[in-house]
Structures are given as structure tokens and as C-alpha cells.
Amino acid sequence: MIRLSIVLGLTCFALLAISALAGTAPLSLGETFAALTGHGNEGVRTIVWEIRLPRAVAAFSVGAALGLAGAAMQGLLQNPLAEPGVLGVSAFASLGAVVAIYFGLAGAGTLGVPIAAILFSLVAVAVLMIAAGRGANSVTLLLVGIGLSSFAGALMALALNLAPNPWSLADLINWMLGSVANRSWTDIGMMTPAWAAGAVAIFLSAPGLRALTLGDEIAATLGVDPVRTRWLVVAGTSLLAGASVAVAGTIGFVGIVAPHLMRPLVKHDPARLLLTSALLAGALLLGADLVARLLPFQQELKLGVAAALFGAPVFIWIAARIGSLGR
């Protein structure tokens, strides 16, 4: 696992470096390196440090948060299709952000959108936990998630329909499509405490997730409190998904693809899956944002759209593969 984590970490670092180099403004390798070390032209330093790097770090952070949340939810629910986007958590977090924007809470304070996104994601996770606690199987949980996503989508469509002016409409659409364009270090700094707290909660749940694979009763005999583990995952997932939506809007599927790809490499251990899934998901979203920036389209492809174009077919393949194995 250590070697795998190192390889993934180096991959993320390489993608960050490429993100600093690549963009619409043609910068040479020498100019970019000089800007990274604090030298060179002031305009180049502004492009690298204030435009490209914050965007790249935001993409990595959002991907890592969603990958970590997805791995934790899959371990807790013992469902390889669980993920904040698929189960409606991201949709409800986006609904919270849309509500905050629609009612002017975003202008009332910088924390209005993040708090609303986190609270609404907590509601979605609570509904899923209630369903899981009543013995719901994988199909039922997916149906509940589809219902939550549909309900949140309907309410967001209503907000779009009733948007008071074109500027509010544009803001709402940006949140729904997902993007890290024009993100600043301030945006990242505001969400870092929520990401950090969510990650700490998830990693504290790691021993419990490993024990829960044996069942609640055996986990209890091993000294693990199943209730504590569940609440750690609930709190961590809500913070990670809510903060990610507050920065980037709705980003789907990355939280299910990364754990699925990493699971065989960590011998299906839910505790060892957490860090590797976070790193791979961060790399995937960072790469997707890099591709979206460089595609020769007149209008830049939104990150949420790019993630869905890649993730949705993979999700269908995973679901079909699981279905064939279950026969």
C-alpha cells in the first residue's frame, strides 16, 4: 500500500506541474519554472499562481474528497455502487448551494453556501442511513439514492424556472454543471477546515469499517462500536461532499470509479482503500480538468460534464459486472 500511495502521490504531483504549464496562454517551461520559484515576469507569475494552480489544487481537492467519501460509504454500506453522487448526497449538497444562492445567502456571508451544502448533504446521508439500518439491500439503497437525486433535481429545476434575473440563473447553472474555473486560494482556504475535519472523521472510522465486514456482532466483540463508526462516516461524508459542492458544484461518478479500480490492489480491505481512493480520485479529476481546459472548444467543457462523460460508462460497466457476478 505504501508503494501504491507513493506512486499515486507522484502522479498527482506531476499532474499539478502539468496544470501549471498547460493552458490557453502559451508559457514556456522556463517561464513556468521561474514563476513557480517566485521569479520571472509578474504577469506570468499571476497566471501560474493566481489562475492555474488554484484551479488545479481545487480539482485535486474535490476529487480526493469525493474519492475518500465514496470509499467510506462503500465500506460502511458494503455496497460497491455507493458514492455521494450516485446515492444523492452530492445532489442534495448542490440543492443546498442552490437554495443559498437563490435566497441571497451567498451574498450575506462567505460561509452561506458551504454551510447550506453541508447541511443538505447531511440530510441525504441520514436518509440513506435510515434505509440501511432497516435492512435495505443494494438495490433498495440505489433506488433511494435515485429518488433523492430526482427530488433534488426537481427542486433545482424549480429554482431555475423561478430565477429572478439572468445573473442568478447563470450562477445556478454553473453550480449544477460543476466547475473549478476561476477558483481562488481564498475559496480553497475556506473549505480546507471542512475537508480536513471530514478526512479525520473518515480515517478514524477505518478500523471500524474493516471490522464491520465481519458483521456488527463480531465487530462489537473486537472492541469496535458500530454506531460510532457509522456516525463518523456520516459526518465525514457530509463534510467532504458538502465542501466539495461548495467549491465545484455537482461532480459525479469519480467517487465510485476510484474505489472500484483500487479495491483489487489493496486486497479488498476497506481501511486500506481510503487513502488510495482519495489519491486516485484526485488524479482523475485533475486530469479531467486539464483535458477540459485544453480541448479546442469555443466554450470550455464544464468539469462536471467531463466527469460524467467518463464516469457514467464506467459506472454502467461496474453495475453490469456486479450483476453478472451475482448470477
C-alpha atoms as a PDB file:
ATOM      1  CA  MET A   1       0.000   0.000   0.000  1.00  0.00           C
ATOM      2  CA  ILE A   2       2.871   2.379   0.780  1.00  0.00           C
ATOM      3  CA  ARG A   3       4.383   1.927  -2.675  1.00  0.00           C
ATOM      4  CA  LEU A   4       0.997   2.336  -4.325  1.00  0.00           C
ATOM      5  CA  SER A   5       0.319   5.520  -2.350  1.00  0.00           C
ATOM      6  CA  ILE A   6       3.734   6.919  -3.292  1.00  0.00           C
ATOM      7  CA  VAL A   7       3.131   6.206  -6.991  1.00  0.00           C
ATOM      8  CA  LEU A   8      -0.295   7.840  -6.846  1.00  0.00           C
ATOM      9  CA  GLY A   9       1.091  10.823  -4.940  1.00  0.00           C
ATOM     10  CA  LEU A  10       3.842  11.338  -7.523  1.00  0.00           C
ATOM     11  CA  THR A  11       1.240  11.091 -10.291  1.00  0.00           C
ATOM     12  CA  CYS A  12      -0.830  13.810  -8.638  1.00  0.00           C
ATOM     13  CA  PHE A  13       2.271  15.988  -8.254  1.00  0.00           C
ATOM     14  CA  ALA A  14       3.138  15.503 -11.937  1.00  0.00           C
ATOM     15  CA  LEU A  15      -0.392  16.454 -12.988  1.00  0.00           C
ATOM     16  CA  LEU A  16      -0.221  19.573 -10.817  1.00  0.00           C
ATOM     17  CA  ALA A  17       3.025  20.537 -12.531  1.00  0.00           C
ATOM     18  CA  ILE A  18       1.499  19.943 -15.972  1.00  0.00           C
ATOM     19  CA  SER A  19      -1.530  22.031 -14.957  1.00  0.00           C
ATOM     20  CA  ALA A  20       0.781  24.911 -14.115  1.00  0.00           C
ATOM     21  CA  LEU A  21       2.423  24.600 -17.518  1.00  0.00           C
ATOM     22  CA  ALA A  22      -0.592  23.950 -19.756  1.00  0.00           C
ATOM     23  CA  GLY A  23      -3.300  26.450 -20.609  1.00  0.00           C
ATOM     24  CA  THR A  24      -4.615  28.848 -23.197  1.00  0.00           C
ATOM     25  CA  ALA A  25      -1.783  31.314 -22.544  1.00  0.00           C
ATOM     26  CA  PRO A  26       1.405  29.930 -24.168  1.00  0.00           C
ATOM     27  CA  LEU A  27       4.085  29.752 -21.465  1.00  0.00           C
ATOM     28  CA  SER A  28       7.430  28.058 -21.895  1.00  0.00           C
ATOM     29  CA  LEU A  29       8.831  25.556 -19.431  1.00  0.00           C
ATOM     30  CA  GLY A  30      11.443  28.077 -18.332  1.00  0.00           C
ATOM     31  CA  GLU A  31       8.863  30.813 -17.740  1.00  0.00           C
ATOM     32  CA  THR A  32       6.657  28.473 -15.752  1.00  0.00           C
ATOM     33  CA  PHE A  33       9.536  27.208 -13.603  1.00  0.00           C
ATOM     34  CA  ALA A  34      10.694  30.760 -12.947  1.00  0.00           C
ATOM     35  CA  ALA A  35       7.166  31.743 -11.916  1.00  0.00           C
ATOM     36  CA  LEU A  36       6.889  28.729  -9.588  1.00  0.00           C
ATOM     37  CA  THR A  37      10.102  29.772  -7.839  1.00  0.00           C
ATOM     38  CA  GLY A  38       8.900  33.368  -7.485  1.00  0.00           C
ATOM     39  CA  HIS A  39      10.964  34.841 -10.297  1.00  0.00           C
ATOM     40  CA  GLY A  40      10.318  35.997 -13.845  1.00  0.00           C
ATOM     41  CA  ASN A  41       7.649  38.217 -15.324  1.00  0.00           C
ATOM     42  CA  GLU A  42       4.918  39.433 -12.972  1.00  0.00           C
ATOM     43  CA  GLY A  43       2.190  38.623 -15.491  1.00  0.00           C
ATOM     44  CA  VAL A  44       3.441  35.042 -15.817  1.00  0.00           C
ATOM     45  CA  ARG A  45       3.539  34.687 -12.020  1.00  0.00           C
ATOM     46  CA  THR A  46      -0.059  35.879 -11.843  1.00  0.00           C
ATOM     47  CA  ILE A  47      -1.180  33.348 -14.458  1.00  0.00           C
ATOM     48  CA  VAL A  48       0.598  30.458 -12.732  1.00  0.00           C
ATOM     49  CA  TRP A  49      -0.033  31.295  -9.063  1.00  0.00           C
ATOM     50  CA  GLU A  50      -3.408  33.013  -9.180  1.00  0.00           C
ATOM     51  CA  ILE A  51      -5.187  31.244 -12.051  1.00  0.00           C
ATOM     52  CA  ARG A  52      -3.732  27.841 -12.930  1.00  0.00           C
ATOM     53  CA  LEU A  53      -2.501  26.500  -9.593  1.00  0.00           C
ATOM     54  CA  PRO A  54      -5.611  27.380  -7.538  1.00  0.00           C
ATOM     55  CA  ARG A  55      -7.780  25.734 -10.167  1.00  0.00           C
ATOM     56  CA  ALA A  56      -5.606  22.616 -10.230  1.00  0.00           C
ATOM     57  CA  VAL A  57      -5.471  22.364  -6.433  1.00  0.00           C
ATOM     58  CA  ALA A  58      -9.247  22.806  -6.265  1.00  0.00           C
ATOM     59  CA  ALA A  59      -9.773  19.998  -8.795  1.00  0.00           C
ATOM     60  CA  PHE A  60      -7.447  17.679  -6.877  1.00  0.00           C
ATOM     61  CA  SER A  61      -9.000  18.535  -3.511  1.00  0.00           C
ATOM     62  CA  VAL A  62     -12.557  17.989  -4.734  1.00  0.00           C
ATOM     63  CA  GLY A  63     -11.604  14.698  -6.393  1.00  0.00           C
ATOM     64  CA  ALA A  64      -9.737  13.456  -3.322  1.00  0.00           C
ATOM     65  CA  ALA A  65     -12.629  14.395  -1.032  1.00  0.00           C
ATOM     66  CA  LEU A  66     -15.203  12.622  -3.206  1.00  0.00           C
ATOM     67  CA  GLY A  67     -12.962   9.562  -3.628  1.00  0.00           C
ATOM     68  CA  LEU A  68     -12.463   9.320   0.130  1.00  0.00           C
ATOM     69  CA  ALA A  69     -16.185   9.766   0.790  1.00  0.00           C
ATOM     70  CA  GLY A  70     -17.055   7.150  -1.829  1.00  0.00           C
ATOM     71  CA  ALA A  71     -14.646   4.589  -0.380  1.00  0.00           C
ATOM     72  CA  ALA A  72     -16.017   5.172   3.131  1.00  0.00           C
ATOM     73  CA  MET A  73     -19.652   4.847   2.015  1.00  0.00           C
ATOM     74  CA  GLN A  74     -18.897   1.659   0.095  1.00  0.00           C
ATOM     75  CA  GLY A  75     -17.188   0.198   3.148  1.00  0.00           C
ATOM     76  CA  LEU A  76     -19.984   1.203   5.508  1.00  0.00           C
ATOM     77  CA  LEU A  77     -22.904   0.110   3.327  1.00  0.00           C
ATOM     78  CA  GLN A  78     -20.908  -2.826   1.880  1.00  0.00           C
ATOM     79  CA  ASN A  79     -22.161  -1.741  -1.496  1.00  0.00           C
ATOM     80  CA  PRO A  80     -19.631  -1.272  -4.334  1.00  0.00           C
ATOM     81  CA  LEU A  81     -22.051   1.105  -6.082  1.00  0.00           C
ATOM     82  CA  ALA A  82     -22.257   3.533  -3.147  1.00  0.00           C
ATOM     83  CA  GLU A  83     -20.913   7.018  -3.780  1.00  0.00           C
ATOM     84  CA  PRO A  84     -22.031  10.572  -2.901  1.00  0.00           C
ATOM     85  CA  GLY A  85     -23.140  11.289  -6.478  1.00  0.00           C
ATOM     86  CA  VAL A  86     -24.944   8.012  -7.143  1.00  0.00           C
ATOM     87  CA  LEU A  87     -26.733   7.962  -3.779  1.00  0.00           C
ATOM     88  CA  GLY A  88     -27.986  11.535  -3.994  1.00  0.00           C
ATOM     89  CA  VAL A  89     -25.644  13.112  -1.444  1.00  0.00           C
ATOM     90  CA  SER A  90     -23.955  15.392  -3.983  1.00  0.00           C
ATOM     91  CA  ALA A  91     -27.333  16.302  -5.498  1.00  0.00           C
ATOM     92  CA  PHE A  92     -28.664  17.332  -2.093  1.00  0.00           C
ATOM     93  CA  ALA A  93     -25.474  19.273  -1.360  1.00  0.00           C
ATOM     94  CA  SER A  94     -25.941  21.061  -4.686  1.00  0.00           C
ATOM     95  CA  LEU A  95     -29.545  21.745  -3.731  1.00  0.00           C
ATOM     96  CA  GLY A  96     -28.313  23.369  -0.532  1.00  0.00           C
ATOM     97  CA  ALA A  97     -25.928  25.576  -2.517  1.00  0.00           C
ATOM     98  CA  VAL A  98     -28.711  26.480  -4.958  1.00  0.00           C
ATOM     99  CA  VAL A  99     -31.046  27.384  -2.096  1.00  0.00           C
ATOM    100  CA  ALA A 100     -28.358  29.580  -0.557  1.00  0.00           C
ATOM    101  CA  ILE A 101     -27.748  31.343  -3.881  1.00  0.00           C
ATOM    102  CA  TYR A 102     -31.441  31.690  -4.696  1.00  0.00           C
ATOM    103  CA  PHE A 103     -32.356  33.280  -1.368  1.00  0.00           C
ATOM    104  CA  GLY A 104     -29.324  35.543  -1.293  1.00  0.00           C
ATOM    105  CA  LEU A 105     -27.466  33.730   1.493  1.00  0.00           C
ATOM    106  CA  ALA A 106     -24.333  33.664  -0.654  1.00  0.00           C
ATOM    107  CA  GLY A 107     -24.166  37.449  -0.553  1.00  0.00           C
ATOM    108  CA  ALA A 108     -24.872  37.601   3.170  1.00  0.00           C
ATOM    109  CA  GLY A 109     -21.612  35.859   4.062  1.00  0.00           C
ATOM    110  CA  THR A 110     -18.830  33.766   2.589  1.00  0.00           C
ATOM    111  CA  LEU A 111     -19.916  30.679   4.546  1.00  0.00           C
ATOM    112  CA  GLY A 112     -23.560  30.744   3.459  1.00  0.00           C
ATOM    113  CA  VAL A 113     -23.162  28.366   0.509  1.00  0.00           C
ATOM    114  CA  PRO A 114     -20.781  25.896   2.223  1.00  0.00           C
ATOM    115  CA  ILE A 115     -22.928  25.592   5.344  1.00  0.00           C
ATOM    116  CA  ALA A 116     -26.089  25.063   3.306  1.00  0.00           C
ATOM    117  CA  ALA A 117     -24.359  22.439   1.138  1.00  0.00           C
ATOM    118  CA  ILE A 118     -23.057  20.537   4.168  1.00  0.00           C
ATOM    119  CA  LEU A 119     -26.412  20.618   5.972  1.00  0.00           C
ATOM    120  CA  PHE A 120     -28.311  19.351   2.935  1.00  0.00           C
ATOM    121  CA  SER A 121     -25.743  16.591   2.332  1.00  0.00           C
ATOM    122  CA  LEU A 122     -26.206  15.562   5.970  1.00  0.00           C
ATOM    123  CA  VAL A 123     -29.943  15.176   5.328  1.00  0.00           C
ATOM    124  CA  ALA A 124     -29.296  12.879   2.361  1.00  0.00           C
ATOM    125  CA  VAL A 125     -26.785  10.745   4.285  1.00  0.00           C
ATOM    126  CA  ALA A 126     -29.232  10.482   7.204  1.00  0.00           C
ATOM    127  CA  VAL A 127     -31.973   9.182   4.887  1.00  0.00           C
ATOM    128  CA  LEU A 128     -29.572   6.596   3.452  1.00  0.00           C
ATOM    129  CA  MET A 129     -28.501   5.509   6.926  1.00  0.00           C
ATOM    130  CA  ILE A 130     -32.134   5.057   7.978  1.00  0.00           C
ATOM    131  CA  ALA A 131     -32.746   2.914   4.898  1.00  0.00           C
ATOM    132  CA  ALA A 132     -29.593   0.871   5.540  1.00  0.00           C
ATOM    133  CA  GLY A 133     -30.499   0.437   9.203  1.00  0.00           C
ATOM    134  CA  ARG A 134     -33.796  -1.146   8.212  1.00  0.00           C
ATOM    135  CA  GLY A 135     -32.022  -3.867   6.284  1.00  0.00           C
ATOM    136  CA  ALA A 136     -32.258  -2.340   2.820  1.00  0.00           C
ATOM    137  CA  ASN A 137     -30.295  -4.222   0.174  1.00  0.00           C
ATOM    138  CA  SER A 138     -28.077  -2.692  -2.525  1.00  0.00           C
ATOM    139  CA  VAL A 139     -30.920  -2.282  -4.994  1.00  0.00           C
ATOM    140  CA  THR A 140     -33.105  -0.510  -2.430  1.00  0.00           C
ATOM    141  CA  LEU A 141     -30.302   1.864  -1.461  1.00  0.00           C
ATOM    142  CA  LEU A 142     -29.690   2.703  -5.110  1.00  0.00           C
ATOM    143  CA  LEU A 143     -33.400   3.342  -5.599  1.00  0.00           C
ATOM    144  CA  VAL A 144     -33.430   5.602  -2.533  1.00  0.00           C
ATOM    145  CA  GLY A 145     -30.409   7.436  -3.953  1.00  0.00           C
ATOM    146  CA  ILE A 146     -32.110   7.819  -7.326  1.00  0.00           C
ATOM    147  CA  GLY A 147     -35.182   9.180  -5.553  1.00  0.00           C
ATOM    148  CA  LEU A 148     -33.095  11.684  -3.595  1.00  0.00           C
ATOM    149  CA  SER A 149     -31.277  12.798  -6.753  1.00  0.00           C
ATOM    150  CA  SER A 150     -34.553  13.144  -8.663  1.00  0.00           C
ATOM    151  CA  PHE A 151     -36.173  15.137  -5.865  1.00  0.00           C
ATOM    152  CA  ALA A 152     -33.159  17.428  -5.540  1.00  0.00           C
ATOM    153  CA  GLY A 153     -33.031  17.812  -9.334  1.00  0.00           C
ATOM    154  CA  ALA A 154     -36.705  18.751  -9.446  1.00  0.00           C
ATOM    155  CA  LEU A 155     -36.245  21.420  -6.781  1.00  0.00           C
ATOM    156  CA  MET A 156     -33.170  22.795  -8.553  1.00  0.00           C
ATOM    157  CA  ALA A 157     -35.115  22.902 -11.819  1.00  0.00           C
ATOM    158  CA  LEU A 158     -37.830  24.812  -9.978  1.00  0.00           C
ATOM    159  CA  ALA A 159     -35.231  27.292  -8.761  1.00  0.00           C
ATOM    160  CA  LEU A 160     -34.002  27.723 -12.349  1.00  0.00           C
ATOM    161  CA  ASN A 161     -37.535  28.250 -13.554  1.00  0.00           C
ATOM    162  CA  LEU A 162     -38.184  30.906 -10.906  1.00  0.00           C
ATOM    163  CA  ALA A 163     -34.778  32.604 -11.079  1.00  0.00           C
ATOM    164  CA  PRO A 164     -35.388  36.349 -10.583  1.00  0.00           C
ATOM    165  CA  ASN A 165     -32.763  37.558 -13.082  1.00  0.00           C
ATOM    166  CA  PRO A 166     -30.253  36.271 -15.688  1.00  0.00           C
ATOM    167  CA  TRP A 167     -27.308  36.614 -13.299  1.00  0.00           C
ATOM    168  CA  SER A 168     -28.912  34.362 -10.693  1.00  0.00           C
ATOM    169  CA  LEU A 169     -29.796  31.914 -13.451  1.00  0.00           C
ATOM    170  CA  ALA A 170     -26.170  31.801 -14.638  1.00  0.00           C
ATOM    171  CA  ASP A 171     -24.903  31.191 -11.089  1.00  0.00           C
ATOM    172  CA  LEU A 172     -27.391  28.378 -10.564  1.00  0.00           C
ATOM    173  CA  ILE A 173     -26.459  26.693 -13.855  1.00  0.00           C
ATOM    174  CA  ASN A 174     -22.748  26.872 -13.010  1.00  0.00           C
ATOM    175  CA  TRP A 175     -23.335  25.108  -9.700  1.00  0.00           C
ATOM    176  CA  MET A 176     -25.394  22.395 -11.363  1.00  0.00           C
ATOM    177  CA  LEU A 177     -22.874  21.723 -14.150  1.00  0.00           C
ATOM    178  CA  GLY A 178     -19.812  21.709 -11.900  1.00  0.00           C
ATOM    179  CA  SER A 179     -16.631  23.692 -12.469  1.00  0.00           C
ATOM    180  CA  VAL A 180     -13.427  24.783 -10.737  1.00  0.00           C
ATOM    181  CA  ALA A 181     -12.751  27.631 -13.156  1.00  0.00           C
ATOM    182  CA  ASN A 182     -11.858  30.949 -11.519  1.00  0.00           C
ATOM    183  CA  ARG A 183     -11.424  29.379  -8.078  1.00  0.00           C
ATOM    184  CA  SER A 184      -9.001  31.230  -5.816  1.00  0.00           C
ATOM    185  CA  TRP A 185      -6.793  30.376  -2.863  1.00  0.00           C
ATOM    186  CA  THR A 186      -9.437  32.035  -0.692  1.00  0.00           C
ATOM    187  CA  ASP A 187     -12.079  29.562  -1.886  1.00  0.00           C
ATOM    188  CA  ILE A 188      -9.758  26.653  -1.148  1.00  0.00           C
ATOM    189  CA  GLY A 189      -8.777  28.060   2.235  1.00  0.00           C
ATOM    190  CA  MET A 190     -12.401  28.430   3.328  1.00  0.00           C
ATOM    191  CA  MET A 191     -13.155  24.777   2.541  1.00  0.00           C
ATOM    192  CA  THR A 192      -9.915  23.298   3.889  1.00  0.00           C
ATOM    193  CA  PRO A 193     -11.177  23.053   7.504  1.00  0.00           C
ATOM    194  CA  ALA A 194     -14.291  21.147   6.369  1.00  0.00           C
ATOM    195  CA  TRP A 195     -12.226  18.846   4.139  1.00  0.00           C
ATOM    196  CA  ALA A 196      -9.709  18.260   6.935  1.00  0.00           C
ATOM    197  CA  ALA A 197     -12.388  17.546   9.548  1.00  0.00           C
ATOM    198  CA  GLY A 198     -14.198  15.198   7.160  1.00  0.00           C
ATOM    199  CA  ALA A 199     -10.987  13.342   6.325  1.00  0.00           C
ATOM    200  CA  VAL A 200     -10.097  12.955  10.010  1.00  0.00           C
ATOM    201  CA  ALA A 201     -13.553  11.528  10.727  1.00  0.00           C
ATOM    202  CA  ILE A 202     -13.279   9.047   7.850  1.00  0.00           C
ATOM    203  CA  PHE A 203      -9.790   7.861   8.772  1.00  0.00           C
ATOM    204  CA  LEU A 204     -10.867   7.451  12.413  1.00  0.00           C
ATOM    205  CA  SER A 205     -13.580   5.115  11.136  1.00  0.00           C
ATOM    206  CA  ALA A 206     -11.076   2.932   9.236  1.00  0.00           C
ATOM    207  CA  PRO A 207     -10.668   0.183  11.896  1.00  0.00           C
ATOM    208  CA  GLY A 208     -14.435   0.056  12.309  1.00  0.00           C
ATOM    209  CA  LEU A 209     -15.002  -0.275   8.558  1.00  0.00           C
ATOM    210  CA  ARG A 210     -12.611  -3.218   8.461  1.00  0.00           C
ATOM    211  CA  ALA A 211     -14.368  -4.907  11.404  1.00  0.00           C
ATOM    212  CA  LEU A 212     -17.857  -4.259  10.025  1.00  0.00           C
ATOM    213  CA  THR A 213     -17.116  -6.524   7.067  1.00  0.00           C
ATOM    214  CA  LEU A 214     -17.483  -9.378   9.585  1.00  0.00           C
ATOM    215  CA  GLY A 215     -20.865  -8.129  10.840  1.00  0.00           C
ATOM    216  CA  ASP A 216     -21.993  -5.899  13.715  1.00  0.00           C
ATOM    217  CA  GLU A 217     -21.866  -8.604  16.381  1.00  0.00           C
ATOM    218  CA  ILE A 218     -18.343  -9.768  15.569  1.00  0.00           C
ATOM    219  CA  ALA A 219     -17.216  -6.148  15.230  1.00  0.00           C
ATOM    220  CA  ALA A 220     -18.518  -5.457  18.743  1.00  0.00           C
ATOM    221  CA  THR A 221     -16.577  -8.433  20.138  1.00  0.00           C
ATOM    222  CA  LEU A 222     -13.444  -6.949  18.557  1.00  0.00           C
ATOM    223  CA  GLY A 223     -13.963  -3.746  20.536  1.00  0.00           C
ATOM    224  CA  VAL A 224     -15.439  -1.724  17.669  1.00  0.00           C
ATOM    225  CA  ASP A 225     -18.505   0.418  18.229  1.00  0.00           C
ATOM    226  CA  PRO A 226     -20.602   0.087  15.041  1.00  0.00           C
ATOM    227  CA  VAL A 227     -22.720   3.122  15.923  1.00  0.00           C
ATOM    228  CA  ARG A 228     -19.648   5.313  16.364  1.00  0.00           C
ATOM    229  CA  THR A 229     -18.232   4.081  13.061  1.00  0.00           C
ATOM    230  CA  ARG A 230     -21.471   4.892  11.246  1.00  0.00           C
ATOM    231  CA  TRP A 231     -21.676   8.391  12.663  1.00  0.00           C
ATOM    232  CA  LEU A 232     -18.041   9.077  11.829  1.00  0.00           C
ATOM    233  CA  VAL A 233     -18.721   8.101   8.217  1.00  0.00           C
ATOM    234  CA  VAL A 234     -21.950  10.131   8.148  1.00  0.00           C
ATOM    235  CA  ALA A 235     -20.236  13.250   9.492  1.00  0.00           C
ATOM    236  CA  GLY A 236     -17.136  12.802   7.335  1.00  0.00           C
ATOM    237  CA  THR A 237     -19.091  12.163   4.146  1.00  0.00           C
ATOM    238  CA  SER A 238     -21.331  15.179   4.744  1.00  0.00           C
ATOM    239  CA  LEU A 239     -18.366  17.482   5.316  1.00  0.00           C
ATOM    240  CA  LEU A 240     -16.381  16.160   2.345  1.00  0.00           C
ATOM    241  CA  ALA A 241     -19.287  16.179  -0.118  1.00  0.00           C
ATOM    242  CA  GLY A 242     -20.729  19.481   1.101  1.00  0.00           C
ATOM    243  CA  ALA A 243     -17.417  21.327   0.942  1.00  0.00           C
ATOM    244  CA  SER A 244     -16.657  19.856  -2.487  1.00  0.00           C
ATOM    245  CA  VAL A 245     -20.009  21.011  -3.865  1.00  0.00           C
ATOM    246  CA  ALA A 246     -19.450  24.451  -2.349  1.00  0.00           C
ATOM    247  CA  VAL A 247     -16.223  24.733  -4.374  1.00  0.00           C
ATOM    248  CA  ALA A 248     -17.027  22.905  -7.605  1.00  0.00           C
ATOM    249  CA  GLY A 249     -20.767  22.243  -7.791  1.00  0.00           C
ATOM    250  CA  THR A 250     -22.048  18.806  -8.783  1.00  0.00           C
ATOM    251  CA  ILE A 251     -19.294  16.332  -9.709  1.00  0.00           C
ATOM    252  CA  GLY A 252     -20.476  12.768 -10.136  1.00  0.00           C
ATOM    253  CA  PHE A 253     -19.061   9.248 -10.525  1.00  0.00           C
ATOM    254  CA  VAL A 254     -15.441   9.913  -9.515  1.00  0.00           C
ATOM    255  CA  GLY A 255     -16.227   8.620  -6.025  1.00  0.00           C
ATOM    256  CA  ILE A 256     -17.317   5.243  -7.374  1.00  0.00           C
ATOM    257  CA  VAL A 257     -14.725   4.738 -10.112  1.00  0.00           C
ATOM    258  CA  ALA A 258     -11.618   5.313  -7.958  1.00  0.00           C
ATOM    259  CA  PRO A 259     -12.501   2.835  -5.153  1.00  0.00           C
ATOM    260  CA  HIS A 260     -13.518   0.216  -7.713  1.00  0.00           C
ATOM    261  CA  LEU A 261     -10.180   0.491  -9.506  1.00  0.00           C
ATOM    262  CA  MET A 262      -8.184   0.421  -6.264  1.00  0.00           C
ATOM    263  CA  ARG A 263     -10.057  -2.356  -4.444  1.00  0.00           C
ATOM    264  CA  PRO A 264      -8.224  -5.336  -6.032  1.00  0.00           C
ATOM    265  CA  LEU A 265      -4.862  -3.640  -5.400  1.00  0.00           C
ATOM    266  CA  VAL A 266      -5.486  -3.344  -1.636  1.00  0.00           C
ATOM    267  CA  LYS A 267      -6.916  -6.882  -1.291  1.00  0.00           C
ATOM    268  CA  HIS A 268     -10.452  -5.546  -0.774  1.00  0.00           C
ATOM    269  CA  ASP A 269      -9.517  -4.034   2.610  1.00  0.00           C
ATOM    270  CA  PRO A 270     -11.908  -1.090   3.238  1.00  0.00           C
ATOM    271  CA  ALA A 271      -9.425   0.586   5.579  1.00  0.00           C
ATOM    272  CA  ARG A 272      -6.535   0.470   3.104  1.00  0.00           C
ATOM    273  CA  LEU A 273      -8.867   1.575   0.324  1.00  0.00           C
ATOM    274  CA  LEU A 274      -9.422   5.051   1.805  1.00  0.00           C
ATOM    275  CA  LEU A 275      -6.115   6.814   1.071  1.00  0.00           C
ATOM    276  CA  THR A 276      -5.521   5.156  -2.292  1.00  0.00           C
ATOM    277  CA  SER A 277      -9.039   6.007  -3.476  1.00  0.00           C
ATOM    278  CA  ALA A 278      -8.584   9.630  -2.433  1.00  0.00           C
ATOM    279  CA  LEU A 279      -5.297   9.946  -4.331  1.00  0.00           C
ATOM    280  CA  LEU A 280      -6.594   8.231  -7.474  1.00  0.00           C
ATOM    281  CA  ALA A 281      -9.823  10.269  -7.495  1.00  0.00           C
ATOM    282  CA  GLY A 282      -7.800  13.459  -7.077  1.00  0.00           C
ATOM    283  CA  ALA A 283      -5.604  12.467 -10.020  1.00  0.00           C
ATOM    284  CA  LEU A 284      -8.628  11.541 -12.159  1.00  0.00           C
ATOM    285  CA  LEU A 285     -10.415  14.844 -11.568  1.00  0.00           C
ATOM    286  CA  LEU A 286      -7.201  16.804 -12.010  1.00  0.00           C
ATOM    287  CA  GLY A 287      -6.642  15.048 -15.333  1.00  0.00           C
ATOM    288  CA  ALA A 288     -10.262  15.620 -16.377  1.00  0.00           C
ATOM    289  CA  ASP A 289      -9.962  19.353 -15.640  1.00  0.00           C
ATOM    290  CA  LEU A 290      -6.706  19.513 -17.582  1.00  0.00           C
ATOM    291  CA  VAL A 291      -8.337  17.854 -20.606  1.00  0.00           C
ATOM    292  CA  ALA A 292     -11.389  20.126 -20.322  1.00  0.00           C
ATOM    293  CA  ARG A 293      -9.120  23.177 -20.396  1.00  0.00           C
ATOM    294  CA  LEU A 294      -7.165  22.035 -23.435  1.00  0.00           C
ATOM    295  CA  LEU A 295      -9.994  20.766 -25.650  1.00  0.00           C
ATOM    296  CA  PRO A 296     -10.380  23.042 -28.700  1.00  0.00           C
ATOM    297  CA  PHE A 297     -13.969  24.047 -27.983  1.00  0.00           C
ATOM    298  CA  GLN A 298     -15.254  27.581 -28.254  1.00  0.00           C
ATOM    299  CA  GLN A 299     -16.963  27.134 -24.865  1.00  0.00           C
ATOM    300  CA  GLU A 300     -14.931  25.383 -22.183  1.00  0.00           C
ATOM    301  CA  LEU A 301     -16.306  21.999 -21.172  1.00  0.00           C
ATOM    302  CA  LYS A 302     -17.585  22.040 -17.589  1.00  0.00           C
ATOM    303  CA  LEU A 303     -15.765  19.730 -15.196  1.00  0.00           C
ATOM    304  CA  GLY A 304     -18.975  18.053 -14.017  1.00  0.00           C
ATOM    305  CA  VAL A 305     -19.882  17.271 -17.623  1.00  0.00           C
ATOM    306  CA  ALA A 306     -16.398  15.884 -18.341  1.00  0.00           C
ATOM    307  CA  ALA A 307     -16.518  13.716 -15.210  1.00  0.00           C
ATOM    308  CA  ALA A 308     -19.954  12.366 -16.155  1.00  0.00           C
ATOM    309  CA  LEU A 309     -18.899  11.606 -19.736  1.00  0.00           C
ATOM    310  CA  PHE A 310     -16.077   9.466 -18.389  1.00  0.00           C
ATOM    311  CA  GLY A 311     -17.657   8.156 -15.199  1.00  0.00           C
ATOM    312  CA  ALA A 312     -21.145   7.192 -16.395  1.00  0.00           C
ATOM    313  CA  PRO A 313     -19.963   4.490 -18.861  1.00  0.00           C
ATOM    314  CA  VAL A 314     -17.592   3.120 -16.208  1.00  0.00           C
ATOM    315  CA  PHE A 315     -20.458   3.067 -13.700  1.00  0.00           C
ATOM    316  CA  ILE A 316     -22.616   1.118 -16.182  1.00  0.00           C
ATOM    317  CA  TRP A 317     -19.766  -1.353 -16.702  1.00  0.00           C
ATOM    318  CA  ILE A 318     -19.304  -1.785 -12.926  1.00  0.00           C
ATOM    319  CA  ALA A 319     -23.024  -2.318 -12.383  1.00  0.00           C
ATOM    320  CA  ALA A 320     -23.247  -4.840 -15.257  1.00  0.00           C
ATOM    321  CA  ARG A 321     -20.170  -6.685 -13.973  1.00  0.00           C
ATOM    322  CA  ILE A 322     -21.580  -6.900 -10.439  1.00  0.00           C
ATOM    323  CA  GLY A 323     -24.885  -8.117 -11.831  1.00  0.00           C
ATOM    324  CA  SER A 324     -23.198 -10.854 -13.880  1.00  0.00           C
ATOM    325  CA  LEU A 325     -21.154 -11.995 -10.879  1.00  0.00           C
ATOM    326  CA  GLY A 326     -24.303 -12.231  -8.778  1.00  0.00           C
ATOM    327  CA  ARG A 327     -25.992 -14.701 -11.131  1.00  0.00           C
END
